[in-house]
Amino acid sequence: LLRERDLNALDRMLEEGLGENPVLLIPNMVPLITPRAQLQRLRRLLAPLEGMPVGPPVSFHPWWPRRRLRSALVLTPNPGHAVARAARELQAVADAVKQLV
């Protein structure tokens, strides 16, 4: 998450050796207008770890926790605009994982 406390936690995990493991970082719950300061901090945190892959971001979708359907978003037969956008983002994450595996 691109929030101050979450970036602090990522910083601690990187100090403890997270970068030595095969990890794909996925920025998630990213607001439509991403705060520049948090993006710059993420870049600074990852700068020493040139090989650490960062996957495609997943946006903040405020409707997601209130969703009543329990089927997978990517399997929704006639998705609305918001669901289709979220499904595309999740598919991009799946594609990034496939490339690394």
C-alpha atoms as a PDB file:
ATOM      1  CA  LEU A   1       0.000   0.000   0.000  1.00  0.00           C
ATOM      2  CA  LEU A   2       1.271   3.448  -0.797  1.00  0.00           C
ATOM      3  CA  ARG A   3       0.676   4.825   2.673  1.00  0.00           C
ATOM      4  CA  GLU A   4       3.242   6.081   5.145  1.00  0.00           C
ATOM      5  CA  ARG A   5       2.917   3.264   7.707  1.00  0.00           C
ATOM      6  CA  ASP A   6       2.893   0.594   5.019  1.00  0.00           C
ATOM      7  CA  LEU A   7       5.996   2.049   3.394  1.00  0.00           C
ATOM      8  CA  ASN A   8       7.664   2.055   6.834  1.00  0.00           C
ATOM      9  CA  ALA A   9       6.815  -1.647   7.143  1.00  0.00           C
ATOM     10  CA  LEU A  10       8.177  -2.349   3.660  1.00  0.00           C
ATOM     11  CA  ASP A  11      11.365  -0.512   4.587  1.00  0.00           C
ATOM     12  CA  ARG A  12      11.784  -2.719   7.680  1.00  0.00           C
ATOM     13  CA  MET A  13      11.087  -5.885   5.672  1.00  0.00           C
ATOM     14  CA  LEU A  14      13.696  -4.871   3.093  1.00  0.00           C
ATOM     15  CA  GLU A  15      16.215  -4.236   5.891  1.00  0.00           C
ATOM     16  CA  GLU A  16      15.483  -7.709   7.248  1.00  0.00           C
ATOM     17  CA  GLY A  17      16.285  -9.367   3.923  1.00  0.00           C
ATOM     18  CA  LEU A  18      13.048  -9.432   1.941  1.00  0.00           C
ATOM     19  CA  GLY A  19      15.018  -8.432  -1.172  1.00  0.00           C
ATOM     20  CA  GLU A  20      17.057 -11.633  -0.953  1.00  0.00           C
ATOM     21  CA  ASN A  21      13.969 -13.706  -1.710  1.00  0.00           C
ATOM     22  CA  PRO A  22      12.078 -14.096  -4.985  1.00  0.00           C
ATOM     23  CA  VAL A  23       9.388 -11.467  -4.472  1.00  0.00           C
ATOM     24  CA  LEU A  24       7.142  -9.494  -6.785  1.00  0.00           C
ATOM     25  CA  LEU A  25       5.983  -6.251  -5.193  1.00  0.00           C
ATOM     26  CA  ILE A  26       2.467  -5.242  -6.197  1.00  0.00           C
ATOM     27  CA  PRO A  27       1.416  -1.719  -5.244  1.00  0.00           C
ATOM     28  CA  ASN A  28      -2.223  -2.079  -4.270  1.00  0.00           C
ATOM     29  CA  MET A  29      -5.076   0.113  -3.135  1.00  0.00           C
ATOM     30  CA  VAL A  30      -3.428   2.839  -5.211  1.00  0.00           C
ATOM     31  CA  PRO A  31      -5.604   5.958  -5.448  1.00  0.00           C
ATOM     32  CA  LEU A  32      -6.456   7.322  -8.890  1.00  0.00           C
ATOM     33  CA  ILE A  33      -4.229  10.291  -8.157  1.00  0.00           C
ATOM     34  CA  THR A  34      -1.169   8.705  -6.623  1.00  0.00           C
ATOM     35  CA  PRO A  35       0.612  10.834  -4.024  1.00  0.00           C
ATOM     36  CA  ARG A  36       3.967  11.858  -5.488  1.00  0.00           C
ATOM     37  CA  ALA A  37       5.772  11.705  -2.136  1.00  0.00           C
ATOM     38  CA  GLN A  38       4.829   8.054  -1.603  1.00  0.00           C
ATOM     39  CA  LEU A  39       5.883   7.096  -5.133  1.00  0.00           C
ATOM     40  CA  GLN A  40       9.230   8.811  -4.670  1.00  0.00           C
ATOM     41  CA  ARG A  41       9.725   7.061  -1.348  1.00  0.00           C
ATOM     42  CA  LEU A  42       8.929   3.682  -2.915  1.00  0.00           C
ATOM     43  CA  ARG A  43      11.512   4.395  -5.622  1.00  0.00           C
ATOM     44  CA  ARG A  44      14.111   5.318  -2.973  1.00  0.00           C
ATOM     45  CA  LEU A  45      13.377   2.137  -0.995  1.00  0.00           C
ATOM     46  CA  LEU A  46      13.787  -0.051  -4.071  1.00  0.00           C
ATOM     47  CA  ALA A  47      16.784   1.770  -5.583  1.00  0.00           C
ATOM     48  CA  PRO A  48      19.401  -0.472  -3.894  1.00  0.00           C
ATOM     49  CA  LEU A  49      17.491  -3.550  -5.072  1.00  0.00           C
ATOM     50  CA  GLU A  50      17.778  -3.140  -8.828  1.00  0.00           C
ATOM     51  CA  GLY A  51      16.589  -6.682  -9.485  1.00  0.00           C
ATOM     52  CA  MET A  52      13.440  -6.488  -7.335  1.00  0.00           C
ATOM     53  CA  PRO A  53      10.511  -6.669  -9.731  1.00  0.00           C
ATOM     54  CA  VAL A  54       7.552  -4.374  -9.213  1.00  0.00           C
ATOM     55  CA  GLY A  55       4.338  -5.532 -10.814  1.00  0.00           C
ATOM     56  CA  PRO A  56       1.444  -3.559 -12.179  1.00  0.00           C
ATOM     57  CA  PRO A  57      -0.505  -1.578  -9.598  1.00  0.00           C
ATOM     58  CA  VAL A  58      -3.982  -2.439  -8.404  1.00  0.00           C
ATOM     59  CA  SER A  59      -6.144   0.629  -7.853  1.00  0.00           C
ATOM     60  CA  PHE A  60      -8.172   1.450  -4.790  1.00  0.00           C
ATOM     61  CA  HIS A  61     -11.722   0.230  -5.458  1.00  0.00           C
ATOM     62  CA  PRO A  62     -13.994   1.505  -2.655  1.00  0.00           C
ATOM     63  CA  TRP A  63     -16.837  -0.794  -3.742  1.00  0.00           C
ATOM     64  CA  TRP A  64     -14.746  -3.955  -3.448  1.00  0.00           C
ATOM     65  CA  PRO A  65     -15.287  -4.643   0.306  1.00  0.00           C
ATOM     66  CA  ARG A  66     -19.035  -4.118  -0.097  1.00  0.00           C
ATOM     67  CA  ARG A  67     -19.309  -6.493  -3.054  1.00  0.00           C
ATOM     68  CA  ARG A  68     -21.953  -9.142  -2.371  1.00  0.00           C
ATOM     69  CA  LEU A  69     -21.056 -11.609  -5.084  1.00  0.00           C
ATOM     70  CA  ARG A  70     -18.412 -14.072  -3.973  1.00  0.00           C
ATOM     71  CA  SER A  71     -17.414 -15.210  -7.451  1.00  0.00           C
ATOM     72  CA  ALA A  72     -14.074 -14.148  -8.857  1.00  0.00           C
ATOM     73  CA  LEU A  73     -14.053 -10.684 -10.374  1.00  0.00           C
ATOM     74  CA  VAL A  74     -12.292 -11.899 -13.485  1.00  0.00           C
ATOM     75  CA  LEU A  75     -15.089 -14.433 -14.099  1.00  0.00           C
ATOM     76  CA  THR A  76     -17.971 -11.945 -13.974  1.00  0.00           C
ATOM     77  CA  PRO A  77     -19.952 -12.587 -17.196  1.00  0.00           C
ATOM     78  CA  ASN A  78     -21.292  -9.048 -17.799  1.00  0.00           C
ATOM     79  CA  PRO A  79     -19.131  -6.737 -15.714  1.00  0.00           C
ATOM     80  CA  GLY A  80     -19.830  -3.064 -15.373  1.00  0.00           C
ATOM     81  CA  HIS A  81     -17.121  -0.501 -16.024  1.00  0.00           C
ATOM     82  CA  ALA A  82     -15.658  -0.622 -12.497  1.00  0.00           C
ATOM     83  CA  VAL A  83     -15.573  -4.425 -12.309  1.00  0.00           C
ATOM     84  CA  ALA A  84     -14.071  -4.690 -15.792  1.00  0.00           C
ATOM     85  CA  ARG A  85     -11.322  -2.230 -14.820  1.00  0.00           C
ATOM     86  CA  ALA A  86     -10.534  -4.165 -11.639  1.00  0.00           C
ATOM     87  CA  ALA A  87     -10.516  -7.448 -13.578  1.00  0.00           C
ATOM     88  CA  ARG A  88      -8.030  -6.005 -16.105  1.00  0.00           C
ATOM     89  CA  GLU A  89      -5.749  -4.936 -13.262  1.00  0.00           C
ATOM     90  CA  LEU A  90      -5.902  -8.377 -11.654  1.00  0.00           C
ATOM     91  CA  GLN A  91      -5.240 -10.042 -15.006  1.00  0.00           C
ATOM     92  CA  ALA A  92      -2.159  -7.829 -15.432  1.00  0.00           C
ATOM     93  CA  VAL A  93      -0.896  -8.996 -12.018  1.00  0.00           C
ATOM     94  CA  ALA A  94      -1.476 -12.632 -13.003  1.00  0.00           C
ATOM     95  CA  ASP A  95       0.430 -12.062 -16.260  1.00  0.00           C
ATOM     96  CA  ALA A  96       3.350 -10.489 -14.345  1.00  0.00           C
ATOM     97  CA  VAL A  97       3.480 -13.511 -12.020  1.00  0.00           C
ATOM     98  CA  LYS A  98       3.428 -15.886 -15.011  1.00  0.00           C
ATOM     99  CA  GLN A  99       6.388 -14.085 -16.568  1.00  0.00           C
ATOM    100  CA  LEU A 100       8.434 -14.523 -13.395  1.00  0.00           C
ATOM    101  CA  VAL A 101       7.582 -18.151 -12.739  1.00  0.00           C
END
